[in-house]
PDB file of N, CA and C in Angstrom:
ATOM      1  N   MET A   1      75.860 104.779 105.107  1.00  0.00           N
ATOM      2  CA  MET A   1      76.816 105.877 105.098  1.00  0.00           C
ATOM      3  C   MET A   1      78.214 105.325 105.353  1.00  0.00           C
ATOM      4  N   ILE A   2      79.165 105.838 104.614  1.00  0.00           N
ATOM      5  CA  ILE A   2      80.537 105.356 104.751  1.00  0.00           C
ATOM      6  C   ILE A   2      81.166 105.903 106.038  1.00  0.00           C
ATOM      7  N   ASP A   3      81.849 105.072 106.737  1.00  0.00           N
ATOM      8  CA  ASP A   3      82.555 105.494 107.942  1.00  0.00           C
ATOM      9  C   ASP A   3      83.886 106.086 107.493  1.00  0.00           C
ATOM     10  N   LEU A   4      83.975 107.400 107.525  1.00  0.00           N
ATOM     11  CA  LEU A   4      85.126 108.120 106.992  1.00  0.00           C
ATOM     12  C   LEU A   4      86.432 107.695 107.655  1.00  0.00           C
ATOM     13  N   LEU A   5      86.417 107.576 108.958  1.00  0.00           N
ATOM     14  CA  LEU A   5      87.640 107.210 109.667  1.00  0.00           C
ATOM     15  C   LEU A   5      88.097 105.797 109.314  1.00  0.00           C
ATOM     16  N   ALA A   6      87.162 104.868 109.249  1.00  0.00           N
ATOM     17  CA  ALA A   6      87.512 103.484 108.901  1.00  0.00           C
ATOM     18  C   ALA A   6      88.010 103.391 107.469  1.00  0.00           C
ATOM     19  N   ALA A   7      87.367 104.124 106.561  1.00  0.00           N
ATOM     20  CA  ALA A   7      87.780 104.100 105.158  1.00  0.00           C
ATOM     21  C   ALA A   7      89.186 104.673 105.003  1.00  0.00           C
ATOM     22  N   ALA A   8      89.450 105.798 105.660  1.00  0.00           N
ATOM     23  CA  ALA A   8      90.767 106.420 105.570  1.00  0.00           C
ATOM     24  C   ALA A   8      91.835 105.538 106.210  1.00  0.00           C
ATOM     25  N   ALA A   9      91.520 104.943 107.352  1.00  0.00           N
ATOM     26  CA  ALA A   9      92.489 104.069 108.027  1.00  0.00           C
ATOM     27  C   ALA A   9      92.776 102.834 107.181  1.00  0.00           C
ATOM     28  N   GLY A  10      91.746 102.251 106.565  1.00  0.00           N
ATOM     29  CA  GLY A  10      91.947 101.095 105.701  1.00  0.00           C
ATOM     30  C   GLY A  10      92.803 101.441 104.501  1.00  0.00           C
ATOM     31  N   ALA A  11      92.564 102.617 103.922  1.00  0.00           N
ATOM     32  CA  ALA A  11      93.363 103.048 102.780  1.00  0.00           C
ATOM     33  C   ALA A  11      94.809 103.308 103.192  1.00  0.00           C
ATOM     34  N   MET A  12      95.008 103.843 104.394  1.00  0.00           N
ATOM     35  CA  MET A  12      96.373 104.050 104.892  1.00  0.00           C
ATOM     36  C   MET A  12      97.092 102.715 105.059  1.00  0.00           C
ATOM     37  N   ASP A  13      96.393 101.722 105.591  1.00  0.00           N
ATOM     38  CA  ASP A  13      96.987 100.387 105.730  1.00  0.00           C
ATOM     39  C   ASP A  13      97.362  99.808 104.367  1.00  0.00           C
ATOM     40  N   ALA A  14      96.480  99.994 103.387  1.00  0.00           N
ATOM     41  CA  ALA A  14      96.742  99.471 102.042  1.00  0.00           C
ATOM     42  C   ALA A  14      97.956 100.151 101.420  1.00  0.00           C
ATOM     43  N   GLN A  15      98.071 101.466 101.579  1.00  0.00           N
ATOM     44  CA  GLN A  15      99.214 102.176 101.013  1.00  0.00           C
ATOM     45  C   GLN A  15     100.513 101.837 101.741  1.00  0.00           C
ATOM     46  N   ARG A  16     100.436 101.588 103.045  1.00  0.00           N
ATOM     47  CA  ARG A  16     101.635 101.180 103.777  1.00  0.00           C
ATOM     48  C   ARG A  16     102.137  99.838 103.254  1.00  0.00           C
ATOM     49  N   ALA A  17     101.209  98.927 102.992  1.00  0.00           N
ATOM     50  CA  ALA A  17     101.588  97.624 102.437  1.00  0.00           C
ATOM     51  C   ALA A  17     102.156  97.792 101.034  1.00  0.00           C
ATOM     52  N   ALA A  18     101.574  98.698 100.245  1.00  0.00           N
ATOM     53  CA  ALA A  18     102.096  98.957  98.898  1.00  0.00           C
ATOM     54  C   ALA A  18     103.507  99.532  98.982  1.00  0.00           C
ATOM     55  N   LEU A  19     103.749 100.403  99.957  1.00  0.00           N
ATOM     56  CA  LEU A  19     105.096 100.951 100.137  1.00  0.00           C
ATOM     57  C   LEU A  19     106.104  99.850 100.436  1.00  0.00           C
ATOM     58  N   ASP A  20     105.705  98.862 101.223  1.00  0.00           N
ATOM     59  CA  ASP A  20     106.584  97.719 101.502  1.00  0.00           C
ATOM     60  C   ASP A  20     106.929  96.977 100.211  1.00  0.00           C
ATOM     61  N   VAL A  21     105.942  96.778  99.357  1.00  0.00           N
ATOM     62  CA  VAL A  21     106.165  96.096  98.079  1.00  0.00           C
ATOM     63  C   VAL A  21     107.138  96.897  97.225  1.00  0.00           C
ATOM     64  N   TYR A  22     106.896  98.201  97.133  1.00  0.00           N
ATOM     65  CA  TYR A  22     107.760  99.046  96.309  1.00  0.00           C
ATOM     66  C   TYR A  22     109.180  99.122  96.865  1.00  0.00           C
ATOM     67  N   ALA A  23     109.320  99.107  98.183  1.00  0.00           N
ATOM     68  CA  ALA A  23     110.659  99.116  98.783  1.00  0.00           C
ATOM     69  C   ALA A  23     111.430  97.853  98.397  1.00  0.00           C
ATOM     70  N   ARG A  24     110.743  96.721  98.382  1.00  0.00           N
ATOM     71  CA  ARG A  24     111.396  95.480  97.932  1.00  0.00           C
ATOM     72  C   ARG A  24     111.792  95.585  96.461  1.00  0.00           C
ATOM     73  N   ASN A  25     110.947  96.249  95.660  1.00  0.00           N
ATOM     74  CA  ASN A  25     111.271  96.431  94.244  1.00  0.00           C
ATOM     75  C   ASN A  25     112.505  97.301  94.064  1.00  0.00           C
ATOM     76  N   VAL A  26     112.635  98.356  94.867  1.00  0.00           N
ATOM     77  CA  VAL A  26     113.815  99.216  94.782  1.00  0.00           C
ATOM     78  C   VAL A  26     115.061  98.402  95.079  1.00  0.00           C
ATOM     79  N   ALA A  27     115.004  97.596  96.128  1.00  0.00           N
ATOM     80  CA  ALA A  27     116.153  96.760  96.477  1.00  0.00           C
ATOM     81  C   ALA A  27     116.483  95.773  95.355  1.00  0.00           C
ATOM     82  N   ALA A  28     115.455  95.176  94.762  1.00  0.00           N
ATOM     83  CA  ALA A  28     115.684  94.222  93.675  1.00  0.00           C
ATOM     84  C   ALA A  28     116.249  94.917  92.445  1.00  0.00           C
ATOM     85  N   ALA A  29     115.771  96.109  92.134  1.00  0.00           N
ATOM     86  CA  ALA A  29     116.262  96.857  90.977  1.00  0.00           C
ATOM     87  C   ALA A  29     117.718  97.254  91.178  1.00  0.00           C
ATOM     88  N   GLU A  30     118.054  97.673  92.401  1.00  0.00           N
ATOM     89  CA  GLU A  30     119.446  98.034  92.679  1.00  0.00           C
ATOM     90  C   GLU A  30     120.356  96.818  92.596  1.00  0.00           C
ATOM     91  N   ALA A  31     119.895  95.685  93.084  1.00  0.00           N
ATOM     92  CA  ALA A  31     120.694  94.465  93.031  1.00  0.00           C
ATOM     93  C   ALA A  31     120.877  93.979  91.597  1.00  0.00           C
ATOM     94  N   ALA A  32     119.862  94.159  90.750  1.00  0.00           N
ATOM     95  CA  ALA A  32     119.939  93.703  89.363  1.00  0.00           C
ATOM     96  C   ALA A  32     120.840  94.587  88.520  1.00  0.00           C
ATOM     97  N   GLY A  33     120.984  95.833  88.899  1.00  0.00           N
ATOM     98  CA  GLY A  33     121.819  96.748  88.129  1.00  0.00           C
ATOM     99  C   GLY A  33     121.044  97.377  86.987  1.00  0.00           C
ATOM    100  N   PRO A  34     121.692  98.325  86.263  1.00  0.00           N
ATOM    101  CA  PRO A  34     120.983  99.080  85.233  1.00  0.00           C
ATOM    102  C   PRO A  34     120.514  98.239  84.039  1.00  0.00           C
ATOM    103  N   ARG A  35     121.173  97.149  83.761  1.00  0.00           N
ATOM    104  CA  ARG A  35     120.782  96.323  82.614  1.00  0.00           C
ATOM    105  C   ARG A  35     120.186  94.978  83.022  1.00  0.00           C
ATOM    106  N   GLY A  36     120.046  94.769  84.311  1.00  0.00           N
ATOM    107  CA  GLY A  36     119.527  93.504  84.797  1.00  0.00           C
ATOM    108  C   GLY A  36     118.011  93.469  84.811  1.00  0.00           C
ATOM    109  N   THR A  37     117.498  92.288  84.981  1.00  0.00           N
ATOM    110  CA  THR A  37     116.051  92.113  85.117  1.00  0.00           C
ATOM    111  C   THR A  37     115.758  91.526  86.491  1.00  0.00           C
ATOM    112  N   TYR A  38     114.560  91.740  86.950  1.00  0.00           N
ATOM    113  CA  TYR A  38     114.138  91.232  88.249  1.00  0.00           C
ATOM    114  C   TYR A  38     112.638  91.014  88.209  1.00  0.00           C
ATOM    115  N   ALA A  39     112.148  90.228  89.132  1.00  0.00           N
ATOM    116  CA  ALA A  39     110.710  89.964  89.223  1.00  0.00           C
ATOM    117  C   ALA A  39     110.073  91.117  89.991  1.00  0.00           C
ATOM    118  N   ARG A  40     109.489  92.042  89.266  1.00  0.00           N
ATOM    119  CA  ARG A  40     108.855  93.221  89.869  1.00  0.00           C
ATOM    120  C   ARG A  40     107.501  92.827  90.455  1.00  0.00           C
ATOM    121  N   GLU A  41     107.269  93.255  91.675  1.00  0.00           N
ATOM    122  CA  GLU A  41     105.992  93.002  92.339  1.00  0.00           C
ATOM    123  C   GLU A  41     105.096  94.231  92.183  1.00  0.00           C
ATOM    124  N   VAL A  42     103.827  93.999  91.909  1.00  0.00           N
ATOM    125  CA  VAL A  42     102.840  95.070  91.779  1.00  0.00           C
ATOM    126  C   VAL A  42     101.744  94.819  92.811  1.00  0.00           C
ATOM    127  N   PRO A  43     101.516  95.797  93.714  1.00  0.00           N
ATOM    128  CA  PRO A  43     100.485  95.585  94.734  1.00  0.00           C
ATOM    129  C   PRO A  43      99.093  95.500  94.110  1.00  0.00           C
ATOM    130  N   THR A  44      98.259  94.684  94.717  1.00  0.00           N
ATOM    131  CA  THR A  44      96.874  94.563  94.263  1.00  0.00           C
ATOM    132  C   THR A  44      95.946  94.981  95.403  1.00  0.00           C
ATOM    133  N   PHE A  45      94.835  95.582  95.016  1.00  0.00           N
ATOM    134  CA  PHE A  45      93.870  96.102  95.978  1.00  0.00           C
ATOM    135  C   PHE A  45      92.485  95.585  95.618  1.00  0.00           C
ATOM    136  N   ALA A  46      91.600  95.631  96.586  1.00  0.00           N
ATOM    137  CA  ALA A  46      90.208  95.258  96.351  1.00  0.00           C
ATOM    138  C   ALA A  46      89.318  96.238  97.101  1.00  0.00           C
ATOM    139  N   LEU A  47      88.123  96.388  96.598  1.00  0.00           N
ATOM    140  CA  LEU A  47      87.124  97.217  97.263  1.00  0.00           C
ATOM    141  C   LEU A  47      86.168  96.325  98.025  1.00  0.00           C
ATOM    142  N   ASP A  48      85.922  96.674  99.257  1.00  0.00           N
ATOM    143  CA  ASP A  48      84.941  95.977 100.079  1.00  0.00           C
ATOM    144  C   ASP A  48      83.766  96.917 100.269  1.00  0.00           C
ATOM    145  N   GLY A  49      82.596  96.457  99.937  1.00  0.00           N
ATOM    146  CA  GLY A  49      81.427  97.314 100.090  1.00  0.00           C
ATOM    147  C   GLY A  49      80.329  96.614 100.849  1.00  0.00           C
ATOM    148  N   GLU A  50      79.681  97.366 101.695  1.00  0.00           N
ATOM    149  CA  GLU A  50      78.594  96.824 102.496  1.00  0.00           C
ATOM    150  C   GLU A  50      77.616  97.959 102.774  1.00  0.00           C
ATOM    151  N   ASP A  51      76.369  97.787 102.420  1.00  0.00           N
ATOM    152  CA  ASP A  51      75.342  98.809 102.626  1.00  0.00           C
ATOM    153  C   ASP A  51      75.729 100.147 101.998  1.00  0.00           C
ATOM    154  N   GLY A  52      76.316 100.109 100.812  1.00  0.00           N
ATOM    155  CA  GLY A  52      76.691 101.328 100.116  1.00  0.00           C
ATOM    156  C   GLY A  52      78.035 101.895 100.539  1.00  0.00           C
ATOM    157  N   ALA A  53      78.643 101.342 101.576  1.00  0.00           N
ATOM    158  CA  ALA A  53      79.947 101.818 102.029  1.00  0.00           C
ATOM    159  C   ALA A  53      81.037 101.065 101.277  1.00  0.00           C
ATOM    160  N   THR A  54      82.094 101.753 100.973  1.00  0.00           N
ATOM    161  CA  THR A  54      83.188 101.135 100.240  1.00  0.00           C
ATOM    162  C   THR A  54      84.499 101.433 100.944  1.00  0.00           C
ATOM    163  N   ALA A  55      85.330 100.426 101.061  1.00  0.00           N
ATOM    164  CA  ALA A  55      86.656 100.579 101.651  1.00  0.00           C
ATOM    165  C   ALA A  55      87.648  99.805 100.787  1.00  0.00           C
ATOM    166  N   VAL A  56      88.862 100.273 100.754  1.00  0.00           N
ATOM    167  CA  VAL A  56      89.903  99.619  99.970  1.00  0.00           C
ATOM    168  C   VAL A  56      90.774  98.792 100.905  1.00  0.00           C
ATOM    169  N   ARG A  57      91.258  97.674 100.390  1.00  0.00           N
ATOM    170  CA  ARG A  57      92.180  96.853 101.180  1.00  0.00           C
ATOM    171  C   ARG A  57      93.245  96.269 100.272  1.00  0.00           C
ATOM    172  N   PHE A  58      94.404  96.036 100.825  1.00  0.00           N
ATOM    173  CA  PHE A  58      95.530  95.424 100.130  1.00  0.00           C
ATOM    174  C   PHE A  58      95.299  93.925 100.086  1.00  0.00           C
ATOM    175  N   THR A  59      95.414  93.322  98.905  1.00  0.00           N
ATOM    176  CA  THR A  59      95.162  91.882  98.787  1.00  0.00           C
ATOM    177  C   THR A  59      96.417  91.073  98.490  1.00  0.00           C
ATOM    178  N   GLY A  60      97.525  91.729  98.297  1.00  0.00           N
ATOM    179  CA  GLY A  60      98.764  91.030  97.998  1.00  0.00           C
ATOM    180  C   GLY A  60      99.490  91.696  96.850  1.00  0.00           C
ATOM    181  N   ALA A  61     100.338  90.935  96.206  1.00  0.00           N
ATOM    182  CA  ALA A  61     101.093  91.473  95.075  1.00  0.00           C
ATOM    183  C   ALA A  61     101.199  90.408  94.003  1.00  0.00           C
ATOM    184  N   ARG A  62     101.171  90.862  92.777  1.00  0.00           N
ATOM    185  CA  ARG A  62     101.387  89.942  91.657  1.00  0.00           C
ATOM    186  C   ARG A  62     102.748  90.246  91.059  1.00  0.00           C
ATOM    187  N   SER A  63     103.334  89.268  90.449  1.00  0.00           N
ATOM    188  CA  SER A  63     104.686  89.396  89.925  1.00  0.00           C
ATOM    189  C   SER A  63     104.672  89.668  88.425  1.00  0.00           C
ATOM    190  N   GLU A  64     105.527  90.581  88.009  1.00  0.00           N
ATOM    191  CA  GLU A  64     105.770  90.824  86.583  1.00  0.00           C
ATOM    192  C   GLU A  64     107.143  90.251  86.274  1.00  0.00           C
ATOM    193  N   LYS A  65     107.182  89.156  85.603  1.00  0.00           N
ATOM    194  CA  LYS A  65     108.444  88.471  85.324  1.00  0.00           C
ATOM    195  C   LYS A  65     109.320  89.292  84.400  1.00  0.00           C
ATOM    196  N   GLU A  66     110.598  89.173  84.626  1.00  0.00           N
ATOM    197  CA  GLU A  66     111.629  89.780  83.792  1.00  0.00           C
ATOM    198  C   GLU A  66     111.410  91.259  83.531  1.00  0.00           C
ATOM    199  N   SER A  67     111.183  91.988  84.568  1.00  0.00           N
ATOM    200  CA  SER A  67     111.009  93.428  84.457  1.00  0.00           C
ATOM    201  C   SER A  67     112.374  94.103  84.436  1.00  0.00           C
ATOM    202  N   ASN A  68     112.492  95.148  83.666  1.00  0.00           N
ATOM    203  CA  ASN A  68     113.710  95.940  83.703  1.00  0.00           C
ATOM    204  C   ASN A  68     113.362  97.416  83.866  1.00  0.00           C
ATOM    205  N   SER A  69     112.377  97.682  84.694  1.00  0.00           N
ATOM    206  CA  SER A  69     111.899  99.044  84.909  1.00  0.00           C
ATOM    207  C   SER A  69     112.984  99.938  85.486  1.00  0.00           C
ATOM    208  N   GLY A  70     113.743  99.440  86.414  1.00  0.00           N
ATOM    209  CA  GLY A  70     114.831 100.200  86.991  1.00  0.00           C
ATOM    210  C   GLY A  70     114.460 100.940  88.257  1.00  0.00           C
ATOM    211  N   VAL A  71     115.490 101.468  88.889  1.00  0.00           N
ATOM    212  CA  VAL A  71     115.342 102.127  90.187  1.00  0.00           C
ATOM    213  C   VAL A  71     114.482 103.381  90.074  1.00  0.00           C
ATOM    214  N   ILE A  72     114.609 104.140  88.995  1.00  0.00           N
ATOM    215  CA  ILE A  72     113.857 105.388  88.866  1.00  0.00           C
ATOM    216  C   ILE A  72     112.355 105.119  88.846  1.00  0.00           C
ATOM    217  N   VAL A  73     111.936 104.134  88.071  1.00  0.00           N
ATOM    218  CA  VAL A  73     110.514 103.790  88.011  1.00  0.00           C
ATOM    219  C   VAL A  73     110.023 103.342  89.380  1.00  0.00           C
ATOM    220  N   GLU A  74     110.827 102.574  90.072  1.00  0.00           N
ATOM    221  CA  GLU A  74     110.431 102.085  91.397  1.00  0.00           C
ATOM    222  C   GLU A  74     110.362 103.234  92.406  1.00  0.00           C
ATOM    223  N   MET A  75     111.277 104.178  92.328  1.00  0.00           N
ATOM    224  CA  MET A  75     111.240 105.322  93.245  1.00  0.00           C
ATOM    225  C   MET A  75     110.025 106.205  92.973  1.00  0.00           C
ATOM    226  N   ILE A  76     109.629 106.327  91.715  1.00  0.00           N
ATOM    227  CA  ILE A  76     108.413 107.073  91.387  1.00  0.00           C
ATOM    228  C   ILE A  76     107.199 106.373  91.995  1.00  0.00           C
ATOM    229  N   ALA A  77     107.173 105.053  91.936  1.00  0.00           N
ATOM    230  CA  ALA A  77     106.076 104.293  92.549  1.00  0.00           C
ATOM    231  C   ALA A  77     106.049 104.521  94.059  1.00  0.00           C
ATOM    232  N   VAL A  78     107.227 104.570  94.684  1.00  0.00           N
ATOM    233  CA  VAL A  78     107.311 104.845  96.127  1.00  0.00           C
ATOM    234  C   VAL A  78     106.747 106.225  96.430  1.00  0.00           C
ATOM    235  N   MET A  79     107.127 107.223  95.629  1.00  0.00           N
ATOM    236  CA  MET A  79     106.628 108.584  95.855  1.00  0.00           C
ATOM    237  C   MET A  79     105.120 108.652  95.679  1.00  0.00           C
ATOM    238  N   ASN A  80     104.584 107.967  94.674  1.00  0.00           N
ATOM    239  CA  ASN A  80     103.126 107.970  94.464  1.00  0.00           C
ATOM    240  C   ASN A  80     102.391 107.324  95.631  1.00  0.00           C
ATOM    241  N   ALA A  81     102.896 106.194  96.106  1.00  0.00           N
ATOM    242  CA  ALA A  81     102.259 105.525  97.242  1.00  0.00           C
ATOM    243  C   ALA A  81     102.372 106.382  98.502  1.00  0.00           C
ATOM    244  N   SER A  82     103.494 107.061  98.660  1.00  0.00           N
ATOM    245  CA  SER A  82     103.676 107.943  99.815  1.00  0.00           C
ATOM    246  C   SER A  82     102.695 109.105  99.773  1.00  0.00           C
ATOM    247  N   ARG A  83     102.493 109.679  98.605  1.00  0.00           N
ATOM    248  CA  ARG A  83     101.517 110.773  98.465  1.00  0.00           C
ATOM    249  C   ARG A  83     100.095 110.288  98.727  1.00  0.00           C
ATOM    250  N   ALA A  84      99.788 109.096  98.264  1.00  0.00           N
ATOM    251  CA  ALA A  84      98.456 108.540  98.521  1.00  0.00           C
ATOM    252  C   ALA A  84      98.257 108.315 100.019  1.00  0.00           C
ATOM    253  N   TYR A  85      99.300 107.835 100.699  1.00  0.00           N
ATOM    254  CA  TYR A  85      99.224 107.639 102.146  1.00  0.00           C
ATOM    255  C   TYR A  85      98.970 108.975 102.840  1.00  0.00           C
ATOM    256  N   GLU A  86      99.715 110.016 102.425  1.00  0.00           N
ATOM    257  CA  GLU A  86      99.533 111.341 103.022  1.00  0.00           C
ATOM    258  C   GLU A  86      98.122 111.869 102.784  1.00  0.00           C
ATOM    259  N   ALA A  87      97.574 111.639 101.598  1.00  0.00           N
ATOM    260  CA  ALA A  87      96.202 112.073 101.309  1.00  0.00           C
ATOM    261  C   ALA A  87      95.208 111.342 102.204  1.00  0.00           C
ATOM    262  N   ASP A  88      95.425 110.047 102.397  1.00  0.00           N
ATOM    263  CA  ASP A  88      94.549 109.273 103.283  1.00  0.00           C
ATOM    264  C   ASP A  88      94.662 109.756 104.728  1.00  0.00           C
ATOM    265  N   ALA A  89      95.880 110.115 105.150  1.00  0.00           N
ATOM    266  CA  ALA A  89      96.072 110.633 106.503  1.00  0.00           C
ATOM    267  C   ALA A  89      95.352 111.973 106.664  1.00  0.00           C
ATOM    268  N   SER A  90      95.393 112.808 105.630  1.00  0.00           N
ATOM    269  CA  SER A  90      94.673 114.085 105.678  1.00  0.00           C
ATOM    270  C   SER A  90      93.170 113.854 105.765  1.00  0.00           C
ATOM    271  N   LEU A  91      92.681 112.882 105.002  1.00  0.00           N
ATOM    272  CA  LEU A  91      91.265 112.546 105.053  1.00  0.00           C
ATOM    273  C   LEU A  91      90.873 112.059 106.449  1.00  0.00           C
ATOM    274  N   PHE A  92      91.739 111.269 107.061  1.00  0.00           N
ATOM    275  CA  PHE A  92      91.496 110.795 108.422  1.00  0.00           C
ATOM    276  C   PHE A  92      91.389 111.978 109.378  1.00  0.00           C
ATOM    277  N   ASP A  93      92.300 112.951 109.238  1.00  0.00           N
ATOM    278  CA  ASP A  93      92.259 114.137 110.097  1.00  0.00           C
ATOM    279  C   ASP A  93      90.968 114.923 109.911  1.00  0.00           C
ATOM    280  N   VAL A  94      90.512 115.045 108.671  1.00  0.00           N
ATOM    281  CA  VAL A  94      89.251 115.740 108.400  1.00  0.00           C
ATOM    282  C   VAL A  94      88.096 115.010 109.082  1.00  0.00           C
ATOM    283  N   GLY A  95      88.073 113.692 108.950  1.00  0.00           N
ATOM    284  CA  GLY A  95      87.018 112.905 109.589  1.00  0.00           C
ATOM    285  C   GLY A  95      87.035 113.052 111.101  1.00  0.00           C
ATOM    286  N   LYS A  96      88.243 113.071 111.666  1.00  0.00           N
ATOM    287  CA  LYS A  96      88.368 113.233 113.112  1.00  0.00           C
ATOM    288  C   LYS A  96      87.850 114.606 113.546  1.00  0.00           C
ATOM    289  N   THR A  97      88.191 115.632 112.804  1.00  0.00           N
ATOM    290  CA  THR A  97      87.727 116.985 113.109  1.00  0.00           C
ATOM    291  C   THR A  97      86.213 117.080 113.006  1.00  0.00           C
ATOM    292  N   LEU A  98      85.644 116.453 111.969  1.00  0.00           N
ATOM    293  CA  LEU A  98      84.187 116.463 111.821  1.00  0.00           C
ATOM    294  C   LEU A  98      83.504 115.782 112.996  1.00  0.00           C
ATOM    295  N   GLU A  99      84.043 114.653 113.427  1.00  0.00           N
ATOM    296  CA  GLU A  99      83.456 113.959 114.573  1.00  0.00           C
ATOM    297  C   GLU A  99      83.586 114.781 115.845  1.00  0.00           C
ATOM    298  N   GLU A 100      84.721 115.459 116.021  1.00  0.00           N
ATOM    299  CA  GLU A 100      84.891 116.304 117.205  1.00  0.00           C
ATOM    300  C   GLU A 100      83.878 117.448 117.208  1.00  0.00           C
ATOM    301  N   HIS A 101      83.676 118.069 116.045  1.00  0.00           N
ATOM    302  CA  HIS A 101      82.699 119.162 115.958  1.00  0.00           C
ATOM    303  C   HIS A 101      81.275 118.654 116.186  1.00  0.00           C
ATOM    304  N   THR A 102      80.982 117.462 115.707  1.00  0.00           N
ATOM    305  CA  THR A 102      79.665 116.877 115.917  1.00  0.00           C
ATOM    306  C   THR A 102      79.427 116.640 117.403  1.00  0.00           C
ATOM    307  N   ILE A 103      80.423 116.131 118.082  1.00  0.00           N
ATOM    308  CA  ILE A 103      80.311 115.909 119.536  1.00  0.00           C
ATOM    309  C   ILE A 103      80.106 117.238 120.245  1.00  0.00           C
ATOM    310  N   ASP A 104      80.875 118.264 119.842  1.00  0.00           N
ATOM    311  CA  ASP A 104      80.721 119.581 120.453  1.00  0.00           C
ATOM    312  C   ASP A 104      79.322 120.142 120.238  1.00  0.00           C
ATOM    313  N   MET A 105      78.757 119.943 119.054  1.00  0.00           N
ATOM    314  CA  MET A 105      77.410 120.423 118.769  1.00  0.00           C
ATOM    315  C   MET A 105      76.393 119.712 119.646  1.00  0.00           C
ATOM    316  N   GLY A 106      76.616 118.428 119.908  1.00  0.00           N
ATOM    317  CA  GLY A 106      75.733 117.672 120.784  1.00  0.00           C
ATOM    318  C   GLY A 106      75.764 118.190 122.199  1.00  0.00           C
ATOM    319  N   ARG A 107      76.895 118.684 122.634  1.00  0.00           N
ATOM    320  CA  ARG A 107      77.013 119.243 123.991  1.00  0.00           C
ATOM    321  C   ARG A 107      76.234 120.543 124.133  1.00  0.00           C
ATOM    322  N   LEU A 108      76.129 121.286 123.030  1.00  0.00           N
ATOM    323  CA  LEU A 108      75.438 122.567 123.064  1.00  0.00           C
ATOM    324  C   LEU A 108      73.928 122.401 123.107  1.00  0.00           C
ATOM    325  N   SER A 109      73.448 121.258 122.660  1.00  0.00           N
ATOM    326  CA  SER A 109      71.993 121.052 122.599  1.00  0.00           C
ATOM    327  C   SER A 109      71.391 120.848 123.954  1.00  0.00           C
TER     328      SER A 109
END
């Protein structure tokens, strides 16, 4: 059985690291200017599975040479990673609530 809290926390860590990568991309895009190119970093993730449980982890970033995506594309990536982080945080809260209710049910027995 997957440990909901661990999976959500691991995913939150991965998205936080992705946000760091995207923040560096925004800075590089702004420094390059509207017609400049920069080495865009793309976060990479991996799935770790054990006994049917799966968790995601950040494994680093790969470089896309001579990218000219621009600040808008990078800001969209930041917003997507931020939304994913928020979804993982919500999942963590659900898992915490489920565990609290389970403990409460055990007290009633």
